[in-house]
Amino acid sequence: MALSPLNQRRFEHFKAHKRGWWSLWIFLALFFVTLGAELIANDKPLVVSYDGELYFPVLKRYPETTFGGEFPLQANYKSPYIQDLIEKKDGWMVWPPIPFSYSSINYELTVPAPAPPSADNWLGTDDQGRDVLARVIYGFRISVLFALSLTLASSVIGVVAGALQGFYGGWVDLTGQRILEIWSGLPVLYLLIILASFVQPNFWWLLGLMLLFSWMSLVDVVRAEFLRGRNLEYVRAARALGMRNGAIMFRHILPNAMVSTMTFLPFILTGAIGTLTALDFLGFGLPAGSPSLGELVAQGKSNLQAPWLGMSAFAVLAIMLSLLVFIGEAARDAFDPRK
């Protein structure tokens, strides 16, 4: 679908912002690489050849009995016993570049955990013997997916709430503003900690808790655009022709309101990642053992004698958030009406 002349100019402005343009491509490359984290870091081989047949343990669980073992339990492909069984049938295994998953423990460490970087663990291990690089890859993915889900859901709610307030005005706007004033005055982080302490939070439960408060960030921007747009001549003409309010709001006013909304999305994404990291750092985020960047920060704080933990977490968070901020700056300049 061809872009309109206005959107073409915006796209050209975005491309002209070299820092934001390259940040977008770097971030997309990192994100798409981590989407296939199981193919990069896993304690199961990608392909196993046994007795002339191919097996794909990274996609399916196979019991020991599949490879001539004795027990119907999931095969441990790092066990010398399983490896011998496969080799006896002229078999072979193809391992991912990092032969550890986010929960895998390296039982062959020659030094106490946390172990420093080595040929086996490129970024070392944490205090439980788990590979730091594998946890960073999985943690990057879950942080971005969580932030994207939260940003999209909160944007939909915030845009709808702001549109209703700005278009109808009157008591709808007054009631909505009073609710926003009360709701925004609540201590969000403390409430999240209190609510998370009642149950064992998981990805979706934590997403729902944060969604209770994150939707307010776009309401004021959308409300202001609708307050301005509802009195424009083309809106009055549409109303005079008998067009329904819903069609006027979302077909005529919303596209103009989305211009300012789009510039806020990368910064909302950044805030969502920061909040998740803070909750994980405090121990009120994802379940224990999850690949979490905040948990890695907490380990760096608890193990000052292992600087690779804190440095790894800092580097990943700094790169991720910097790229998103640069993308947001480029989007802000591209949608700037003065340009």
C-alpha atoms as a PDB file:
ATOM      1  CA  MET A   1       0.000   0.000   0.000  1.00  0.00           C
ATOM      2  CA  ALA A   2       1.431   3.341  -1.078  1.00  0.00           C
ATOM      3  CA  LEU A   3       1.982   5.988   1.554  1.00  0.00           C
ATOM      4  CA  SER A   4       0.289   9.353   1.332  1.00  0.00           C
ATOM      5  CA  PRO A   5       2.519  12.360   0.517  1.00  0.00           C
ATOM      6  CA  LEU A   6       2.343  13.450   4.175  1.00  0.00           C
ATOM      7  CA  ASN A   7       3.378  10.047   5.488  1.00  0.00           C
ATOM      8  CA  GLN A   8       6.126   9.843   2.874  1.00  0.00           C
ATOM      9  CA  ARG A   9       7.570  13.102   4.200  1.00  0.00           C
ATOM     10  CA  ARG A  10       7.348  11.769   7.754  1.00  0.00           C
ATOM     11  CA  PHE A  11       9.145   8.609   6.705  1.00  0.00           C
ATOM     12  CA  GLU A  12      11.874  10.636   5.012  1.00  0.00           C
ATOM     13  CA  HIS A  13      12.281  12.749   8.158  1.00  0.00           C
ATOM     14  CA  PHE A  14      12.576   9.560  10.208  1.00  0.00           C
ATOM     15  CA  LYS A  15      15.235   8.161   7.866  1.00  0.00           C
ATOM     16  CA  ALA A  16      17.117  11.460   7.973  1.00  0.00           C
ATOM     17  CA  HIS A  17      17.454  11.023  11.741  1.00  0.00           C
ATOM     18  CA  LYS A  18      20.403   8.628  11.392  1.00  0.00           C
ATOM     19  CA  ARG A  19      20.688   7.788  15.063  1.00  0.00           C
ATOM     20  CA  GLY A  20      17.023   6.812  15.327  1.00  0.00           C
ATOM     21  CA  TRP A  21      17.013   5.012  11.972  1.00  0.00           C
ATOM     22  CA  TRP A  22      19.977   2.809  12.817  1.00  0.00           C
ATOM     23  CA  SER A  23      18.689   2.292  16.361  1.00  0.00           C
ATOM     24  CA  LEU A  24      15.451   0.937  14.899  1.00  0.00           C
ATOM     25  CA  TRP A  25      17.281  -1.609  12.762  1.00  0.00           C
ATOM     26  CA  ILE A  26      19.615  -2.653  15.580  1.00  0.00           C
ATOM     27  CA  PHE A  27      16.701  -3.074  17.990  1.00  0.00           C
ATOM     28  CA  LEU A  28      14.675  -5.089  15.452  1.00  0.00           C
ATOM     29  CA  ALA A  29      17.705  -7.296  14.752  1.00  0.00           C
ATOM     30  CA  LEU A  30      18.245  -7.988  18.456  1.00  0.00           C
ATOM     31  CA  PHE A  31      14.553  -8.622  19.005  1.00  0.00           C
ATOM     32  CA  PHE A  32      14.173 -11.051  16.107  1.00  0.00           C
ATOM     33  CA  VAL A  33      17.327 -12.909  17.168  1.00  0.00           C
ATOM     34  CA  THR A  34      16.005 -13.332  20.706  1.00  0.00           C
ATOM     35  CA  LEU A  35      12.612 -14.495  19.398  1.00  0.00           C
ATOM     36  CA  GLY A  36      14.409 -17.670  18.402  1.00  0.00           C
ATOM     37  CA  ALA A  37      16.193 -17.963  21.742  1.00  0.00           C
ATOM     38  CA  GLU A  38      15.534 -21.720  21.896  1.00  0.00           C
ATOM     39  CA  LEU A  39      17.595 -22.134  18.711  1.00  0.00           C
ATOM     40  CA  ILE A  40      20.499 -20.122  20.133  1.00  0.00           C
ATOM     41  CA  ALA A  41      20.671 -21.128  23.791  1.00  0.00           C
ATOM     42  CA  ASN A  42      19.285 -24.500  24.817  1.00  0.00           C
ATOM     43  CA  ASP A  43      20.317 -27.540  26.815  1.00  0.00           C
ATOM     44  CA  LYS A  44      18.777 -29.786  24.147  1.00  0.00           C
ATOM     45  CA  PRO A  45      20.335 -30.431  20.725  1.00  0.00           C
ATOM     46  CA  LEU A  46      18.714 -28.981  17.648  1.00  0.00           C
ATOM     47  CA  VAL A  47      18.886 -32.247  15.695  1.00  0.00           C
ATOM     48  CA  VAL A  48      19.643 -35.826  16.744  1.00  0.00           C
ATOM     49  CA  SER A  49      20.363 -38.605  14.301  1.00  0.00           C
ATOM     50  CA  TYR A  50      19.684 -42.072  15.732  1.00  0.00           C
ATOM     51  CA  ASP A  51      19.438 -45.364  13.860  1.00  0.00           C
ATOM     52  CA  GLY A  52      18.978 -43.558  10.534  1.00  0.00           C
ATOM     53  CA  GLU A  53      16.170 -41.300  11.763  1.00  0.00           C
ATOM     54  CA  LEU A  54      16.187 -37.616  12.651  1.00  0.00           C
ATOM     55  CA  TYR A  55      14.781 -36.236  15.885  1.00  0.00           C
ATOM     56  CA  PHE A  56      14.286 -32.609  16.916  1.00  0.00           C
ATOM     57  CA  PRO A  57      14.494 -32.377  20.720  1.00  0.00           C
ATOM     58  CA  VAL A  58      14.302 -28.567  20.622  1.00  0.00           C
ATOM     59  CA  LEU A  59      10.738 -28.911  19.312  1.00  0.00           C
ATOM     60  CA  LYS A  60       9.552 -32.149  20.933  1.00  0.00           C
ATOM     61  CA  ARG A  61      10.215 -34.083  24.132  1.00  0.00           C
ATOM     62  CA  TYR A  62      11.593 -37.572  23.654  1.00  0.00           C
ATOM     63  CA  PRO A  63      11.904 -40.215  26.415  1.00  0.00           C
ATOM     64  CA  GLU A  64      15.066 -42.203  27.001  1.00  0.00           C
ATOM     65  CA  THR A  65      13.423 -45.264  25.538  1.00  0.00           C
ATOM     66  CA  THR A  66      13.412 -43.590  22.111  1.00  0.00           C
ATOM     67  CA  PHE A  67      17.203 -43.906  22.080  1.00  0.00           C
ATOM     68  CA  GLY A  68      17.408 -47.341  23.694  1.00  0.00           C
ATOM     69  CA  GLY A  69      17.296 -46.172  27.308  1.00  0.00           C
ATOM     70  CA  GLU A  70      15.563 -47.920  30.217  1.00  0.00           C
ATOM     71  CA  PHE A  71      13.242 -45.295  31.679  1.00  0.00           C
ATOM     72  CA  PRO A  72      10.325 -43.420  30.029  1.00  0.00           C
ATOM     73  CA  LEU A  73      11.680 -40.100  31.281  1.00  0.00           C
ATOM     74  CA  GLN A  74      12.787 -37.129  29.237  1.00  0.00           C
ATOM     75  CA  ALA A  75      16.234 -37.796  27.805  1.00  0.00           C
ATOM     76  CA  ASN A  76      19.162 -35.872  29.223  1.00  0.00           C
ATOM     77  CA  TYR A  77      21.249 -35.349  26.110  1.00  0.00           C
ATOM     78  CA  LYS A  78      24.285 -34.172  28.088  1.00  0.00           C
ATOM     79  CA  SER A  79      24.408 -37.461  29.971  1.00  0.00           C
ATOM     80  CA  PRO A  80      27.293 -39.724  28.853  1.00  0.00           C
ATOM     81  CA  TYR A  81      24.842 -42.619  29.029  1.00  0.00           C
ATOM     82  CA  ILE A  82      22.499 -41.108  26.397  1.00  0.00           C
ATOM     83  CA  GLN A  83      25.419 -39.946  24.269  1.00  0.00           C
ATOM     84  CA  ASP A  84      26.865 -43.465  24.232  1.00  0.00           C
ATOM     85  CA  LEU A  85      23.506 -44.930  23.210  1.00  0.00           C
ATOM     86  CA  ILE A  86      23.281 -42.527  20.288  1.00  0.00           C
ATOM     87  CA  GLU A  87      26.879 -43.084  19.189  1.00  0.00           C
ATOM     88  CA  LYS A  88      26.409 -46.864  19.175  1.00  0.00           C
ATOM     89  CA  LYS A  89      23.849 -46.441  16.421  1.00  0.00           C
ATOM     90  CA  ASP A  90      26.216 -44.204  14.419  1.00  0.00           C
ATOM     91  CA  GLY A  91      24.187 -41.219  15.539  1.00  0.00           C
ATOM     92  CA  TRP A  92      25.162 -37.590  16.030  1.00  0.00           C
ATOM     93  CA  MET A  93      23.846 -34.413  17.628  1.00  0.00           C
ATOM     94  CA  VAL A  94      23.868 -30.770  16.522  1.00  0.00           C
ATOM     95  CA  TRP A  95      23.937 -28.416  19.486  1.00  0.00           C
ATOM     96  CA  PRO A  96      22.998 -24.704  19.523  1.00  0.00           C
ATOM     97  CA  PRO A  97      25.848 -22.165  19.880  1.00  0.00           C
ATOM     98  CA  ILE A  98      25.117 -21.874  23.620  1.00  0.00           C
ATOM     99  CA  PRO A  99      24.421 -25.348  25.072  1.00  0.00           C
ATOM    100  CA  PHE A 100      22.546 -23.953  28.074  1.00  0.00           C
ATOM    101  CA  SER A 101      18.988 -22.775  28.590  1.00  0.00           C
ATOM    102  CA  TYR A 102      18.038 -20.013  31.035  1.00  0.00           C
ATOM    103  CA  SER A 103      17.432 -22.564  33.803  1.00  0.00           C
ATOM    104  CA  SER A 104      20.293 -24.946  32.985  1.00  0.00           C
ATOM    105  CA  ILE A 105      22.918 -25.451  35.691  1.00  0.00           C
ATOM    106  CA  ASN A 106      26.483 -26.108  34.674  1.00  0.00           C
ATOM    107  CA  TYR A 107      27.497 -29.026  36.882  1.00  0.00           C
ATOM    108  CA  GLU A 108      30.993 -29.144  35.399  1.00  0.00           C
ATOM    109  CA  LEU A 109      32.248 -25.874  36.878  1.00  0.00           C
ATOM    110  CA  THR A 110      35.816 -26.024  38.122  1.00  0.00           C
ATOM    111  CA  VAL A 111      35.336 -23.015  40.422  1.00  0.00           C
ATOM    112  CA  PRO A 112      32.556 -22.109  42.838  1.00  0.00           C
ATOM    113  CA  ALA A 113      29.553 -20.269  41.419  1.00  0.00           C
ATOM    114  CA  PRO A 114      29.297 -17.510  40.383  1.00  0.00           C
ATOM    115  CA  ALA A 115      31.988 -18.543  37.898  1.00  0.00           C
ATOM    116  CA  PRO A 116      33.816 -15.966  35.759  1.00  0.00           C
ATOM    117  CA  PRO A 117      33.516 -15.880  31.939  1.00  0.00           C
ATOM    118  CA  SER A 118      35.069 -18.873  30.219  1.00  0.00           C
ATOM    119  CA  ALA A 119      34.939 -20.829  26.977  1.00  0.00           C
ATOM    120  CA  ASP A 120      31.905 -22.748  28.279  1.00  0.00           C
ATOM    121  CA  ASN A 121      30.063 -19.757  29.789  1.00  0.00           C
ATOM    122  CA  TRP A 122      30.884 -16.678  27.734  1.00  0.00           C
ATOM    123  CA  LEU A 123      29.501 -14.233  30.305  1.00  0.00           C
ATOM    124  CA  GLY A 124      30.095 -16.458  33.314  1.00  0.00           C
ATOM    125  CA  THR A 125      27.456 -17.962  35.567  1.00  0.00           C
ATOM    126  CA  ASP A 126      25.257 -16.604  38.326  1.00  0.00           C
ATOM    127  CA  ASP A 127      25.347 -17.764  41.928  1.00  0.00           C
ATOM    128  CA  GLN A 128      23.269 -20.840  41.038  1.00  0.00           C
ATOM    129  CA  GLY A 129      25.556 -21.955  38.217  1.00  0.00           C
ATOM    130  CA  ARG A 130      23.225 -20.836  35.403  1.00  0.00           C
ATOM    131  CA  ASP A 131      24.667 -19.395  32.204  1.00  0.00           C
ATOM    132  CA  VAL A 132      24.419 -15.592  32.243  1.00  0.00           C
ATOM    133  CA  LEU A 133      24.369 -15.158  28.462  1.00  0.00           C
ATOM    134  CA  ALA A 134      21.456 -17.567  28.092  1.00  0.00           C
ATOM    135  CA  ARG A 135      19.515 -15.739  30.800  1.00  0.00           C
ATOM    136  CA  VAL A 136      20.294 -12.401  29.126  1.00  0.00           C
ATOM    137  CA  ILE A 137      18.946 -13.624  25.777  1.00  0.00           C
ATOM    138  CA  TYR A 138      15.744 -15.014  27.278  1.00  0.00           C
ATOM    139  CA  GLY A 139      15.415 -11.999  29.595  1.00  0.00           C
ATOM    140  CA  PHE A 140      15.698  -9.574  26.686  1.00  0.00           C
ATOM    141  CA  ARG A 141      12.910 -11.391  24.873  1.00  0.00           C
ATOM    142  CA  ILE A 142      10.509 -11.564  27.784  1.00  0.00           C
ATOM    143  CA  SER A 143      11.139  -7.908  28.693  1.00  0.00           C
ATOM    144  CA  VAL A 144      10.401  -6.675  25.171  1.00  0.00           C
ATOM    145  CA  LEU A 145       7.348  -8.911  24.725  1.00  0.00           C
ATOM    146  CA  PHE A 146       5.997  -7.805  28.100  1.00  0.00           C
ATOM    147  CA  ALA A 147       6.589  -4.132  27.288  1.00  0.00           C
ATOM    148  CA  LEU A 148       5.025  -4.452  23.816  1.00  0.00           C
ATOM    149  CA  SER A 149       1.930  -6.170  25.215  1.00  0.00           C
ATOM    150  CA  LEU A 150       1.563  -3.586  27.949  1.00  0.00           C
ATOM    151  CA  THR A 151       2.109  -0.674  25.552  1.00  0.00           C
ATOM    152  CA  LEU A 152      -0.451  -1.901  23.025  1.00  0.00           C
ATOM    153  CA  ALA A 153      -3.102  -2.699  25.634  1.00  0.00           C
ATOM    154  CA  SER A 154      -2.619   0.541  27.572  1.00  0.00           C
ATOM    155  CA  SER A 155      -2.597   2.563  24.335  1.00  0.00           C
ATOM    156  CA  VAL A 156      -5.964   1.158  23.277  1.00  0.00           C
ATOM    157  CA  ILE A 157      -7.542   1.926  26.654  1.00  0.00           C
ATOM    158  CA  GLY A 158      -5.899   5.357  26.909  1.00  0.00           C
ATOM    159  CA  VAL A 159      -6.902   6.388  23.374  1.00  0.00           C
ATOM    160  CA  VAL A 160     -10.520   5.310  23.874  1.00  0.00           C
ATOM    161  CA  ALA A 161     -10.777   7.075  27.253  1.00  0.00           C
ATOM    162  CA  GLY A 162      -9.191  10.276  25.930  1.00  0.00           C
ATOM    163  CA  ALA A 163     -11.351  10.222  22.795  1.00  0.00           C
ATOM    164  CA  LEU A 164     -14.575   9.920  24.778  1.00  0.00           C
ATOM    165  CA  GLN A 165     -13.589  12.725  27.156  1.00  0.00           C
ATOM    166  CA  GLY A 166     -12.445  15.097  24.442  1.00  0.00           C
ATOM    167  CA  PHE A 167     -15.275  14.490  21.986  1.00  0.00           C
ATOM    168  CA  TYR A 168     -18.247  14.605  24.334  1.00  0.00           C
ATOM    169  CA  GLY A 169     -16.879  17.058  26.909  1.00  0.00           C
ATOM    170  CA  GLY A 170     -19.291  18.229  29.579  1.00  0.00           C
ATOM    171  CA  TRP A 171     -20.003  15.829  32.409  1.00  0.00           C
ATOM    172  CA  VAL A 172     -18.191  12.995  30.623  1.00  0.00           C
ATOM    173  CA  ASP A 173     -14.987  15.045  30.556  1.00  0.00           C
ATOM    174  CA  LEU A 174     -15.412  16.317  34.130  1.00  0.00           C
ATOM    175  CA  THR A 175     -16.079  12.842  35.521  1.00  0.00           C
ATOM    176  CA  GLY A 176     -13.186  11.362  33.600  1.00  0.00           C
ATOM    177  CA  GLN A 177     -10.783  14.045  34.780  1.00  0.00           C
ATOM    178  CA  ARG A 178     -11.740  13.567  38.424  1.00  0.00           C
ATOM    179  CA  ILE A 179     -11.214   9.803  38.095  1.00  0.00           C
ATOM    180  CA  LEU A 180      -7.823  10.401  36.467  1.00  0.00           C
ATOM    181  CA  GLU A 181      -6.777  12.809  39.227  1.00  0.00           C
ATOM    182  CA  ILE A 182      -7.627  10.285  41.930  1.00  0.00           C
ATOM    183  CA  TRP A 183      -6.201   7.270  40.094  1.00  0.00           C
ATOM    184  CA  SER A 184      -2.973   9.018  39.076  1.00  0.00           C
ATOM    185  CA  GLY A 185      -2.368  10.162  42.654  1.00  0.00           C
ATOM    186  CA  LEU A 186      -2.038   6.596  43.901  1.00  0.00           C
ATOM    187  CA  PRO A 187       1.495   5.299  44.609  1.00  0.00           C
ATOM    188  CA  VAL A 188       1.724   2.892  41.688  1.00  0.00           C
ATOM    189  CA  LEU A 189       4.868   0.982  42.658  1.00  0.00           C
ATOM    190  CA  TYR A 190       3.692   0.403  46.235  1.00  0.00           C
ATOM    191  CA  LEU A 191       0.287  -0.788  45.063  1.00  0.00           C
ATOM    192  CA  LEU A 192       1.899  -3.167  42.579  1.00  0.00           C
ATOM    193  CA  ILE A 193       4.089  -4.573  45.351  1.00  0.00           C
ATOM    194  CA  ILE A 194       1.084  -4.984  47.675  1.00  0.00           C
ATOM    195  CA  LEU A 195      -1.079  -6.635  45.004  1.00  0.00           C
ATOM    196  CA  ALA A 196       1.759  -8.885  43.873  1.00  0.00           C
ATOM    197  CA  SER A 197       2.282 -10.055  47.447  1.00  0.00           C
ATOM    198  CA  PHE A 198      -1.218 -11.599  47.595  1.00  0.00           C
ATOM    199  CA  VAL A 199      -0.636 -14.046  44.745  1.00  0.00           C
ATOM    200  CA  GLN A 200       2.267 -15.648  42.926  1.00  0.00           C
ATOM    201  CA  PRO A 201       2.537 -13.324  39.922  1.00  0.00           C
ATOM    202  CA  ASN A 202       3.095 -14.673  36.439  1.00  0.00           C
ATOM    203  CA  PHE A 203       3.454 -12.949  33.068  1.00  0.00           C
ATOM    204  CA  TRP A 204      -0.266 -12.332  32.499  1.00  0.00           C
ATOM    205  CA  TRP A 205      -1.118 -11.506  36.098  1.00  0.00           C
ATOM    206  CA  LEU A 206       1.681  -8.957  36.250  1.00  0.00           C
ATOM    207  CA  LEU A 207       0.606  -7.527  32.888  1.00  0.00           C
ATOM    208  CA  GLY A 208      -2.930  -7.047  34.194  1.00  0.00           C
ATOM    209  CA  LEU A 209      -1.723  -5.354  37.380  1.00  0.00           C
ATOM    210  CA  MET A 210       0.470  -2.877  35.493  1.00  0.00           C
ATOM    211  CA  LEU A 211      -2.286  -2.235  32.949  1.00  0.00           C
ATOM    212  CA  LEU A 212      -4.456  -0.861  35.771  1.00  0.00           C
ATOM    213  CA  PHE A 213      -2.194   2.209  35.898  1.00  0.00           C
ATOM    214  CA  SER A 214      -0.257   2.462  32.630  1.00  0.00           C
ATOM    215  CA  TRP A 215      -3.247   3.429  30.448  1.00  0.00           C
ATOM    216  CA  MET A 216      -3.355   6.972  31.843  1.00  0.00           C
ATOM    217  CA  SER A 217      -0.216   8.189  30.034  1.00  0.00           C
ATOM    218  CA  LEU A 218      -1.986   8.857  26.711  1.00  0.00           C
ATOM    219  CA  VAL A 219      -5.341  10.126  27.948  1.00  0.00           C
ATOM    220  CA  ASP A 220      -4.373  13.795  28.242  1.00  0.00           C
ATOM    221  CA  VAL A 221      -2.742  13.914  24.799  1.00  0.00           C
ATOM    222  CA  VAL A 222      -5.683  12.278  23.016  1.00  0.00           C
ATOM    223  CA  ARG A 223      -8.202  14.317  24.996  1.00  0.00           C
ATOM    224  CA  ALA A 224      -6.543  17.586  23.957  1.00  0.00           C
ATOM    225  CA  GLU A 225      -6.522  16.557  20.286  1.00  0.00           C
ATOM    226  CA  PHE A 226     -10.218  15.634  20.389  1.00  0.00           C
ATOM    227  CA  LEU A 227     -11.149  18.861  22.202  1.00  0.00           C
ATOM    228  CA  ARG A 228      -9.457  20.787  19.405  1.00  0.00           C
ATOM    229  CA  GLY A 229     -10.664  18.579  16.555  1.00  0.00           C
ATOM    230  CA  ARG A 230     -14.361  18.411  17.450  1.00  0.00           C
ATOM    231  CA  ASN A 231     -14.813  22.109  16.595  1.00  0.00           C
ATOM    232  CA  LEU A 232     -13.074  22.019  13.205  1.00  0.00           C
ATOM    233  CA  GLU A 233     -15.172  22.715  10.124  1.00  0.00           C
ATOM    234  CA  TYR A 234     -14.913  19.284   8.516  1.00  0.00           C
ATOM    235  CA  VAL A 235     -16.155  17.697  11.757  1.00  0.00           C
ATOM    236  CA  ARG A 236     -19.115  20.077  11.887  1.00  0.00           C
ATOM    237  CA  ALA A 237     -19.856  19.310   8.245  1.00  0.00           C
ATOM    238  CA  ALA A 238     -19.785  15.571   8.918  1.00  0.00           C
ATOM    239  CA  ARG A 239     -22.133  16.020  11.854  1.00  0.00           C
ATOM    240  CA  ALA A 240     -24.473  18.156   9.743  1.00  0.00           C
ATOM    241  CA  LEU A 241     -24.589  15.417   7.106  1.00  0.00           C
ATOM    242  CA  GLY A 242     -25.845  13.007   9.751  1.00  0.00           C
ATOM    243  CA  MET A 243     -22.689  10.951  10.313  1.00  0.00           C
ATOM    244  CA  ARG A 244     -22.732   9.064  13.580  1.00  0.00           C
ATOM    245  CA  ASN A 245     -20.486  10.171  16.439  1.00  0.00           C
ATOM    246  CA  GLY A 246     -18.506   6.927  16.417  1.00  0.00           C
ATOM    247  CA  ALA A 247     -17.632   7.340  12.752  1.00  0.00           C
ATOM    248  CA  ILE A 248     -16.639  10.979  13.249  1.00  0.00           C
ATOM    249  CA  MET A 249     -14.422  10.112  16.201  1.00  0.00           C
ATOM    250  CA  PHE A 250     -12.529   7.183  14.770  1.00  0.00           C
ATOM    251  CA  ARG A 251     -12.559   8.020  11.048  1.00  0.00           C
ATOM    252  CA  HIS A 252     -11.904  11.751  11.056  1.00  0.00           C
ATOM    253  CA  ILE A 253     -10.472  12.928  14.392  1.00  0.00           C
ATOM    254  CA  LEU A 254      -8.529   9.869  15.559  1.00  0.00           C
ATOM    255  CA  PRO A 255      -6.005   9.832  12.635  1.00  0.00           C
ATOM    256  CA  ASN A 256      -4.936  13.364  13.567  1.00  0.00           C
ATOM    257  CA  ALA A 257      -4.807  12.503  17.258  1.00  0.00           C
ATOM    258  CA  MET A 258      -2.607   9.480  16.556  1.00  0.00           C
ATOM    259  CA  VAL A 259       0.163  11.767  15.274  1.00  0.00           C
ATOM    260  CA  SER A 260       1.014  12.938  18.779  1.00  0.00           C
ATOM    261  CA  THR A 261       0.204   9.540  20.248  1.00  0.00           C
ATOM    262  CA  MET A 262       2.753   7.719  18.071  1.00  0.00           C
ATOM    263  CA  THR A 263       5.604   9.830  19.421  1.00  0.00           C
ATOM    264  CA  PHE A 264       4.876   8.653  22.963  1.00  0.00           C
ATOM    265  CA  LEU A 265       4.845   4.905  22.279  1.00  0.00           C
ATOM    266  CA  PRO A 266       8.638   4.278  22.413  1.00  0.00           C
ATOM    267  CA  PHE A 267       8.843   6.129  25.728  1.00  0.00           C
ATOM    268  CA  ILE A 268       5.906   4.144  27.146  1.00  0.00           C
ATOM    269  CA  LEU A 269       7.736   1.004  26.026  1.00  0.00           C
ATOM    270  CA  THR A 270      10.851   2.174  27.864  1.00  0.00           C
ATOM    271  CA  GLY A 271       8.884   2.877  31.033  1.00  0.00           C
ATOM    272  CA  ALA A 272       7.273  -0.573  30.939  1.00  0.00           C
ATOM    273  CA  ILE A 273      10.672  -2.273  30.721  1.00  0.00           C
ATOM    274  CA  GLY A 274      11.968  -0.136  33.584  1.00  0.00           C
ATOM    275  CA  THR A 275       8.985  -0.956  35.795  1.00  0.00           C
ATOM    276  CA  LEU A 276       9.267  -4.699  35.132  1.00  0.00           C
ATOM    277  CA  THR A 277      12.988  -4.594  35.884  1.00  0.00           C
ATOM    278  CA  ALA A 278      12.347  -2.715  39.143  1.00  0.00           C
ATOM    279  CA  LEU A 279       9.706  -5.217  40.281  1.00  0.00           C
ATOM    280  CA  ASP A 280      11.969  -8.152  39.447  1.00  0.00           C
ATOM    281  CA  PHE A 281      14.841  -6.497  41.287  1.00  0.00           C
ATOM    282  CA  LEU A 282      12.660  -6.115  44.392  1.00  0.00           C
ATOM    283  CA  GLY A 283      11.412  -9.691  44.120  1.00  0.00           C
ATOM    284  CA  PHE A 284       7.781  -8.849  43.262  1.00  0.00           C
ATOM    285  CA  GLY A 285       7.957  -9.452  39.518  1.00  0.00           C
ATOM    286  CA  LEU A 286       8.092 -12.636  37.483  1.00  0.00           C
ATOM    287  CA  PRO A 287       8.165 -16.014  39.279  1.00  0.00           C
ATOM    288  CA  ALA A 288      11.437 -17.169  40.791  1.00  0.00           C
ATOM    289  CA  GLY A 289      13.723 -18.748  38.231  1.00  0.00           C
ATOM    290  CA  SER A 290      12.308 -16.784  35.297  1.00  0.00           C
ATOM    291  CA  PRO A 291      14.866 -15.226  32.930  1.00  0.00           C
ATOM    292  CA  SER A 292      14.690 -11.719  34.302  1.00  0.00           C
ATOM    293  CA  LEU A 293      17.032  -8.782  33.827  1.00  0.00           C
ATOM    294  CA  GLY A 294      15.915  -7.350  37.161  1.00  0.00           C
ATOM    295  CA  GLU A 295      16.828 -10.581  38.922  1.00  0.00           C
ATOM    296  CA  LEU A 296      20.259 -10.407  37.264  1.00  0.00           C
ATOM    297  CA  VAL A 297      20.675  -6.867  38.609  1.00  0.00           C
ATOM    298  CA  ALA A 298      19.794  -8.139  42.082  1.00  0.00           C
ATOM    299  CA  GLN A 299      22.382 -10.903  41.745  1.00  0.00           C
ATOM    300  CA  GLY A 300      24.993  -8.325  40.743  1.00  0.00           C
ATOM    301  CA  LYS A 301      24.149  -6.359  43.886  1.00  0.00           C
ATOM    302  CA  SER A 302      24.393  -9.455  46.086  1.00  0.00           C
ATOM    303  CA  ASN A 303      27.631 -10.711  44.509  1.00  0.00           C
ATOM    304  CA  LEU A 304      29.935  -7.731  44.291  1.00  0.00           C
ATOM    305  CA  GLN A 305      32.861 -10.130  43.951  1.00  0.00           C
ATOM    306  CA  ALA A 306      31.411 -11.170  40.554  1.00  0.00           C
ATOM    307  CA  PRO A 307      31.364  -7.920  38.544  1.00  0.00           C
ATOM    308  CA  TRP A 308      30.353  -9.692  35.330  1.00  0.00           C
ATOM    309  CA  LEU A 309      26.820 -10.076  36.697  1.00  0.00           C
ATOM    310  CA  GLY A 310      26.197  -6.374  37.242  1.00  0.00           C
ATOM    311  CA  MET A 311      28.091  -5.377  34.106  1.00  0.00           C
ATOM    312  CA  SER A 312      26.074  -7.771  31.923  1.00  0.00           C
ATOM    313  CA  ALA A 313      22.745  -6.532  33.281  1.00  0.00           C
ATOM    314  CA  PHE A 314      23.795  -2.888  32.988  1.00  0.00           C
ATOM    315  CA  ALA A 315      25.032  -3.318  29.408  1.00  0.00           C
ATOM    316  CA  VAL A 316      21.837  -5.028  28.223  1.00  0.00           C
ATOM    317  CA  LEU A 317      19.509  -2.529  29.897  1.00  0.00           C
ATOM    318  CA  ALA A 318      21.579   0.469  28.769  1.00  0.00           C
ATOM    319  CA  ILE A 319      21.662  -0.701  25.147  1.00  0.00           C
ATOM    320  CA  MET A 320      17.976  -1.650  25.074  1.00  0.00           C
ATOM    321  CA  LEU A 321      16.683   1.564  26.659  1.00  0.00           C
ATOM    322  CA  SER A 322      19.071   3.795  24.689  1.00  0.00           C
ATOM    323  CA  LEU A 323      17.905   2.286  21.398  1.00  0.00           C
ATOM    324  CA  LEU A 324      14.254   2.838  22.338  1.00  0.00           C
ATOM    325  CA  VAL A 325      14.902   6.435  23.378  1.00  0.00           C
ATOM    326  CA  PHE A 326      16.729   7.150  20.099  1.00  0.00           C
ATOM    327  CA  ILE A 327      13.815   5.625  18.161  1.00  0.00           C
ATOM    328  CA  GLY A 328      11.397   7.793  20.138  1.00  0.00           C
ATOM    329  CA  GLU A 329      13.389  10.933  19.365  1.00  0.00           C
ATOM    330  CA  ALA A 330      13.346  10.129  15.644  1.00  0.00           C
ATOM    331  CA  ALA A 331       9.592   9.444  15.728  1.00  0.00           C
ATOM    332  CA  ARG A 332       8.979  12.699  17.585  1.00  0.00           C
ATOM    333  CA  ASP A 333      10.892  14.675  14.967  1.00  0.00           C
ATOM    334  CA  ALA A 334       9.185  12.844  12.102  1.00  0.00           C
ATOM    335  CA  PHE A 335       5.695  13.622  13.403  1.00  0.00           C
ATOM    336  CA  ASP A 336       6.517  17.197  14.411  1.00  0.00           C
ATOM    337  CA  PRO A 337       3.949  19.370  12.548  1.00  0.00           C
ATOM    338  CA  ARG A 338       6.461  22.241  12.348  1.00  0.00           C
ATOM    339  CA  LYS A 339       8.515  20.083   9.970  1.00  0.00           C
END
